[in-house]
Amino acid sequence: MDFYERAGIVCRKIPRGRAATYGQIALLCGRPRNARQVGYALNRGKVGEVPAHRVVNAKGQLTGAAAFETFEMQKLLLEGEGIEVNFREGAWQVDLKKYGWKHTLQEALELEGEFRERGI
């Protein structure tokens, strides 16, 4: 499915040491209301090899831990990239103000161009 291809491309663009949200990925795929579909695709491996550990929910919470080899794996991978993960509000959480991927308009336009080139 084209959406999954797009999501894979976007996820591979998330810089090391940064986290993106499911909604942000959906937006960059051209489907701003499909955040849950991004989570489904990552959980089911429909996007190929991507740094899925860099994807968190809108609050910065690590909600995709069940998709990893161990429950702590997402946390450990993020910390390995220098991202602080703290336990707040009953969940492990990343400070998106500090570690969130602030993609640029230029990056969004480049992604749109890549989708067009690939016909997706």
N, C-alpha and C. Protein backbone atom coordinates (compact mmCIF):
# COMPACT_ATOMS: atom_id res chain seq x y z
N MET A 1 0.83 -1.18 0.00
CA MET A 1 0.00 0.00 0.00
C MET A 1 0.88 1.25 0.00
N ASP A 2 0.52 2.23 -0.77
CA ASP A 2 1.32 3.45 -0.91
C ASP A 2 1.57 4.16 0.42
N PHE A 3 0.56 4.19 1.30
CA PHE A 3 0.73 4.87 2.58
C PHE A 3 1.88 4.24 3.37
N TYR A 4 1.96 2.92 3.37
CA TYR A 4 3.03 2.25 4.11
C TYR A 4 4.40 2.55 3.50
N GLU A 5 4.47 2.62 2.18
CA GLU A 5 5.73 2.99 1.54
C GLU A 5 6.14 4.40 1.96
N ARG A 6 5.17 5.30 1.92
CA ARG A 6 5.45 6.68 2.34
C ARG A 6 5.91 6.73 3.79
N ALA A 7 5.22 6.01 4.66
CA ALA A 7 5.57 6.01 6.09
C ALA A 7 6.99 5.49 6.29
N GLY A 8 7.37 4.47 5.55
CA GLY A 8 8.73 3.95 5.64
C GLY A 8 9.77 4.98 5.23
N ILE A 9 9.49 5.68 4.16
CA ILE A 9 10.41 6.73 3.68
C ILE A 9 10.54 7.82 4.73
N VAL A 10 9.42 8.26 5.28
CA VAL A 10 9.45 9.32 6.29
C VAL A 10 10.20 8.86 7.54
N CYS A 11 9.91 7.66 8.01
CA CYS A 11 10.58 7.15 9.22
C CYS A 11 12.09 7.08 9.04
N ARG A 12 12.54 6.71 7.84
CA ARG A 12 13.98 6.63 7.60
C ARG A 12 14.64 8.01 7.59
N LYS A 13 13.85 9.08 7.50
CA LYS A 13 14.38 10.45 7.51
C LYS A 13 14.50 11.02 8.92
N ILE A 14 13.92 10.36 9.92
CA ILE A 14 14.00 10.89 11.29
C ILE A 14 15.46 10.88 11.71
N PRO A 15 16.01 12.02 12.05
CA PRO A 15 17.43 12.07 12.41
C PRO A 15 17.75 11.32 13.70
N ARG A 16 18.94 10.79 13.75
CA ARG A 16 19.45 10.14 14.96
C ARG A 16 19.42 11.18 16.10
N GLY A 17 18.97 10.75 17.28
CA GLY A 17 18.91 11.64 18.42
C GLY A 17 17.65 12.50 18.46
N ARG A 18 16.69 12.18 17.59
CA ARG A 18 15.42 12.90 17.54
C ARG A 18 14.27 11.90 17.56
N ALA A 19 13.11 12.36 18.01
CA ALA A 19 11.91 11.53 18.02
C ALA A 19 10.82 12.25 17.22
N ALA A 20 10.00 11.47 16.54
CA ALA A 20 8.87 12.01 15.78
C ALA A 20 7.60 11.36 16.32
N THR A 21 6.48 12.01 16.08
CA THR A 21 5.21 11.45 16.54
C THR A 21 4.52 10.71 15.39
N TYR A 22 3.60 9.83 15.77
CA TYR A 22 2.81 9.11 14.77
C TYR A 22 2.08 10.12 13.88
N GLY A 23 1.52 11.15 14.50
CA GLY A 23 0.79 12.17 13.75
C GLY A 23 1.68 12.95 12.80
N GLN A 24 2.89 13.23 13.23
CA GLN A 24 3.84 13.95 12.38
C GLN A 24 4.17 13.13 11.14
N ILE A 25 4.37 11.84 11.33
CA ILE A 25 4.67 10.97 10.19
C ILE A 25 3.47 10.92 9.25
N ALA A 26 2.28 10.78 9.81
CA ALA A 26 1.07 10.76 8.98
C ALA A 26 0.94 12.05 8.19
N LEU A 27 1.20 13.18 8.84
CA LEU A 27 1.13 14.48 8.17
C LEU A 27 2.11 14.54 7.00
N LEU A 28 3.35 14.12 7.24
CA LEU A 28 4.36 14.15 6.19
C LEU A 28 4.06 13.17 5.06
N CYS A 29 3.23 12.17 5.35
CA CYS A 29 2.79 11.22 4.32
C CYS A 29 1.62 11.77 3.52
N GLY A 30 1.11 12.93 3.94
CA GLY A 30 -0.03 13.52 3.26
C GLY A 30 -1.37 13.04 3.79
N ARG A 31 -1.36 12.35 4.92
CA ARG A 31 -2.57 11.82 5.54
C ARG A 31 -2.60 12.21 7.02
N PRO A 32 -2.87 13.48 7.33
CA PRO A 32 -2.76 13.96 8.71
C PRO A 32 -3.65 13.26 9.73
N ARG A 33 -4.70 12.59 9.31
CA ARG A 33 -5.60 11.92 10.25
C ARG A 33 -5.29 10.43 10.42
N ASN A 34 -4.16 9.98 9.91
CA ASN A 34 -3.85 8.56 9.92
C ASN A 34 -2.75 8.16 10.90
N ALA A 35 -2.67 8.85 12.03
CA ALA A 35 -1.64 8.53 13.02
C ALA A 35 -1.74 7.08 13.49
N ARG A 36 -2.95 6.60 13.71
CA ARG A 36 -3.12 5.21 14.16
C ARG A 36 -2.65 4.21 13.11
N GLN A 37 -2.82 4.56 11.86
CA GLN A 37 -2.37 3.68 10.79
C GLN A 37 -0.84 3.60 10.77
N VAL A 38 -0.18 4.69 11.13
CA VAL A 38 1.28 4.68 11.25
C VAL A 38 1.68 3.69 12.33
N GLY A 39 1.02 3.76 13.48
CA GLY A 39 1.31 2.83 14.57
C GLY A 39 1.08 1.39 14.15
N TYR A 40 -0.01 1.14 13.47
CA TYR A 40 -0.32 -0.21 12.98
C TYR A 40 0.79 -0.69 12.04
N ALA A 41 1.18 0.16 11.10
CA ALA A 41 2.20 -0.21 10.13
C ALA A 41 3.53 -0.54 10.80
N LEU A 42 3.92 0.26 11.79
CA LEU A 42 5.17 0.00 12.51
C LEU A 42 5.08 -1.29 13.31
N ASN A 43 3.97 -1.50 13.97
CA ASN A 43 3.77 -2.68 14.80
C ASN A 43 3.77 -3.96 13.97
N ARG A 44 3.25 -3.89 12.77
CA ARG A 44 3.13 -5.07 11.90
C ARG A 44 4.28 -5.22 10.91
N GLY A 45 5.25 -4.31 10.98
CA GLY A 45 6.41 -4.41 10.09
C GLY A 45 6.09 -4.12 8.64
N LYS A 46 5.09 -3.32 8.38
CA LYS A 46 4.65 -3.04 7.01
C LYS A 46 5.46 -1.93 6.34
N VAL A 47 6.37 -1.31 7.06
CA VAL A 47 7.13 -0.20 6.50
C VAL A 47 8.59 -0.57 6.23
N GLY A 48 8.95 -1.82 6.41
CA GLY A 48 10.33 -2.24 6.18
C GLY A 48 11.23 -1.87 7.35
N GLU A 49 12.52 -1.87 7.07
CA GLU A 49 13.51 -1.55 8.09
C GLU A 49 13.55 -0.05 8.33
N VAL A 50 13.09 0.35 9.50
CA VAL A 50 13.08 1.76 9.87
C VAL A 50 13.47 1.89 11.34
N PRO A 51 13.92 3.08 11.76
CA PRO A 51 14.22 3.31 13.17
C PRO A 51 12.92 3.56 13.96
N ALA A 52 12.11 2.52 14.10
CA ALA A 52 10.79 2.64 14.74
C ALA A 52 10.87 3.12 16.18
N HIS A 53 12.02 2.92 16.81
CA HIS A 53 12.16 3.35 18.21
C HIS A 53 12.08 4.87 18.33
N ARG A 54 12.27 5.59 17.24
CA ARG A 54 12.23 7.05 17.26
C ARG A 54 10.81 7.61 17.15
N VAL A 55 9.82 6.73 17.10
CA VAL A 55 8.43 7.18 16.93
C VAL A 55 7.69 7.02 18.26
N VAL A 56 7.09 8.12 18.70
CA VAL A 56 6.38 8.18 19.99
C VAL A 56 5.00 8.81 19.77
N ASN A 57 4.17 8.80 20.80
CA ASN A 57 2.85 9.41 20.63
C ASN A 57 2.95 10.94 20.79
N ALA A 58 1.84 11.61 20.66
CA ALA A 58 1.80 13.08 20.67
C ALA A 58 2.30 13.69 21.98
N LYS A 59 2.22 12.92 23.08
CA LYS A 59 2.72 13.39 24.38
C LYS A 59 4.20 13.05 24.58
N GLY A 60 4.79 12.35 23.61
CA GLY A 60 6.17 11.91 23.75
C GLY A 60 6.30 10.57 24.44
N GLN A 61 5.17 9.92 24.70
CA GLN A 61 5.19 8.63 25.42
C GLN A 61 5.59 7.49 24.51
N LEU A 62 6.31 6.54 25.08
CA LEU A 62 6.74 5.35 24.35
C LEU A 62 5.59 4.34 24.38
N THR A 63 4.73 4.40 23.40
CA THR A 63 3.56 3.53 23.37
C THR A 63 3.75 2.33 22.46
N GLY A 64 4.86 2.27 21.75
CA GLY A 64 5.08 1.16 20.82
C GLY A 64 5.97 0.07 21.36
N ALA A 65 6.21 0.07 22.67
CA ALA A 65 7.15 -0.87 23.27
C ALA A 65 6.81 -2.33 22.99
N ALA A 66 5.53 -2.65 22.87
CA ALA A 66 5.13 -4.04 22.64
C ALA A 66 5.62 -4.57 21.30
N ALA A 67 5.96 -3.69 20.38
CA ALA A 67 6.42 -4.11 19.05
C ALA A 67 7.91 -4.48 19.04
N PHE A 68 8.60 -4.26 20.14
CA PHE A 68 10.03 -4.52 20.20
C PHE A 68 10.32 -5.85 20.88
N GLU A 69 11.54 -6.30 20.72
CA GLU A 69 11.98 -7.59 21.25
C GLU A 69 11.73 -7.71 22.75
N THR A 70 12.04 -6.65 23.48
CA THR A 70 11.74 -6.61 24.91
C THR A 70 11.00 -5.31 25.20
N PHE A 71 10.32 -5.27 26.31
CA PHE A 71 9.52 -4.10 26.67
C PHE A 71 10.37 -2.84 26.80
N GLU A 72 11.60 -2.99 27.26
CA GLU A 72 12.49 -1.84 27.48
C GLU A 72 13.29 -1.44 26.25
N MET A 73 13.23 -2.22 25.18
CA MET A 73 14.11 -2.00 24.03
C MET A 73 13.97 -0.59 23.44
N GLN A 74 12.76 -0.09 23.26
CA GLN A 74 12.58 1.24 22.69
C GLN A 74 13.29 2.29 23.55
N LYS A 75 13.10 2.19 24.84
CA LYS A 75 13.74 3.12 25.79
C LYS A 75 15.26 3.05 25.67
N LEU A 76 15.80 1.84 25.65
CA LEU A 76 17.25 1.67 25.57
C LEU A 76 17.82 2.20 24.26
N LEU A 77 17.12 1.97 23.16
CA LEU A 77 17.59 2.47 21.86
C LEU A 77 17.59 4.00 21.82
N LEU A 78 16.56 4.61 22.37
CA LEU A 78 16.50 6.07 22.42
C LEU A 78 17.63 6.62 23.29
N GLU A 79 17.81 6.02 24.45
CA GLU A 79 18.89 6.48 25.34
C GLU A 79 20.25 6.29 24.68
N GLY A 80 20.40 5.24 23.90
CA GLY A 80 21.65 5.00 23.18
C GLY A 80 21.96 6.09 22.16
N GLU A 81 20.95 6.82 21.75
CA GLU A 81 21.14 7.94 20.82
C GLU A 81 21.22 9.28 21.55
N GLY A 82 21.26 9.22 22.88
CA GLY A 82 21.40 10.45 23.66
C GLY A 82 20.08 11.11 24.03
N ILE A 83 18.97 10.44 23.79
CA ILE A 83 17.66 11.00 24.12
C ILE A 83 17.31 10.60 25.55
N GLU A 84 17.00 11.58 26.37
CA GLU A 84 16.59 11.31 27.75
C GLU A 84 15.16 10.77 27.76
N VAL A 85 14.96 9.70 28.51
CA VAL A 85 13.63 9.11 28.65
C VAL A 85 13.31 9.07 30.14
N ASN A 86 12.22 9.73 30.51
CA ASN A 86 11.84 9.83 31.92
C ASN A 86 10.46 9.24 32.15
N PHE A 87 10.24 8.76 33.37
CA PHE A 87 8.93 8.20 33.72
C PHE A 87 8.07 9.32 34.27
N ARG A 88 7.02 9.70 33.50
CA ARG A 88 6.10 10.76 33.88
C ARG A 88 4.69 10.37 33.47
N GLU A 89 3.74 10.80 34.24
CA GLU A 89 2.33 10.57 33.93
C GLU A 89 2.04 9.09 33.66
N GLY A 90 2.73 8.23 34.38
CA GLY A 90 2.49 6.79 34.28
C GLY A 90 3.09 6.10 33.08
N ALA A 91 4.01 6.77 32.36
CA ALA A 91 4.61 6.17 31.17
C ALA A 91 6.02 6.72 30.94
N TRP A 92 6.82 5.96 30.20
CA TRP A 92 8.12 6.46 29.78
C TRP A 92 7.88 7.51 28.71
N GLN A 93 8.61 8.62 28.82
CA GLN A 93 8.30 9.76 27.97
C GLN A 93 9.57 10.50 27.54
N VAL A 94 9.51 11.03 26.32
CA VAL A 94 10.57 11.85 25.74
C VAL A 94 10.09 13.30 25.75
N ASP A 95 10.96 14.22 26.04
CA ASP A 95 10.62 15.65 25.98
C ASP A 95 10.69 16.08 24.51
N LEU A 96 9.53 16.21 23.89
CA LEU A 96 9.49 16.55 22.47
C LEU A 96 9.99 17.96 22.19
N LYS A 97 9.89 18.86 23.17
CA LYS A 97 10.42 20.21 22.96
C LYS A 97 11.94 20.16 22.79
N LYS A 98 12.56 19.25 23.50
CA LYS A 98 14.01 19.13 23.46
C LYS A 98 14.49 18.15 22.38
N TYR A 99 13.80 17.01 22.23
CA TYR A 99 14.27 15.94 21.34
C TYR A 99 13.38 15.69 20.13
N GLY A 100 12.32 16.45 20.00
CA GLY A 100 11.42 16.24 18.86
C GLY A 100 12.05 16.66 17.55
N TRP A 101 11.71 15.92 16.49
CA TRP A 101 12.19 16.25 15.15
C TRP A 101 11.38 17.42 14.63
N LYS A 102 12.03 18.53 14.45
CA LYS A 102 11.37 19.72 13.92
C LYS A 102 11.70 19.81 12.43
N HIS A 103 10.96 19.01 11.66
CA HIS A 103 11.23 18.98 10.22
C HIS A 103 10.95 20.35 9.61
N THR A 104 11.63 20.62 8.54
CA THR A 104 11.47 21.91 7.86
C THR A 104 10.49 21.79 6.70
N LEU A 105 10.05 22.92 6.21
CA LEU A 105 9.20 22.94 5.03
C LEU A 105 9.96 22.32 3.85
N GLN A 106 11.25 22.61 3.76
CA GLN A 106 12.08 22.06 2.70
C GLN A 106 12.08 20.53 2.75
N GLU A 107 12.21 19.96 3.95
CA GLU A 107 12.18 18.49 4.08
C GLU A 107 10.82 17.94 3.65
N ALA A 108 9.75 18.62 4.02
CA ALA A 108 8.41 18.17 3.64
C ALA A 108 8.24 18.21 2.13
N LEU A 109 8.74 19.26 1.48
CA LEU A 109 8.64 19.37 0.03
C LEU A 109 9.50 18.31 -0.67
N GLU A 110 10.66 18.02 -0.10
CA GLU A 110 11.52 16.97 -0.67
C GLU A 110 10.83 15.61 -0.58
N LEU A 111 10.17 15.35 0.54
CA LEU A 111 9.43 14.09 0.69
C LEU A 111 8.30 14.01 -0.34
N GLU A 112 7.57 15.10 -0.50
CA GLU A 112 6.49 15.13 -1.49
C GLU A 112 7.03 14.84 -2.89
N GLY A 113 8.17 15.43 -3.21
CA GLY A 113 8.80 15.17 -4.50
C GLY A 113 9.22 13.73 -4.66
N GLU A 114 9.76 13.14 -3.61
CA GLU A 114 10.16 11.73 -3.66
C GLU A 114 8.94 10.83 -3.86
N PHE A 115 7.84 11.14 -3.18
CA PHE A 115 6.60 10.36 -3.37
C PHE A 115 6.14 10.45 -4.82
N ARG A 116 6.19 11.65 -5.37
CA ARG A 116 5.74 11.86 -6.74
C ARG A 116 6.62 11.07 -7.72
N GLU A 117 7.94 11.14 -7.52
CA GLU A 117 8.88 10.40 -8.37
C GLU A 117 8.60 8.91 -8.35
N ARG A 118 8.28 8.39 -7.19
CA ARG A 118 8.03 6.95 -7.04
C ARG A 118 6.60 6.57 -7.43
N GLY A 119 5.77 7.55 -7.66
CA GLY A 119 4.39 7.28 -8.03
C GLY A 119 3.54 6.76 -6.89
N ILE A 120 3.88 7.21 -5.69
CA ILE A 120 3.11 6.75 -4.51
C ILE A 120 2.41 7.90 -3.82
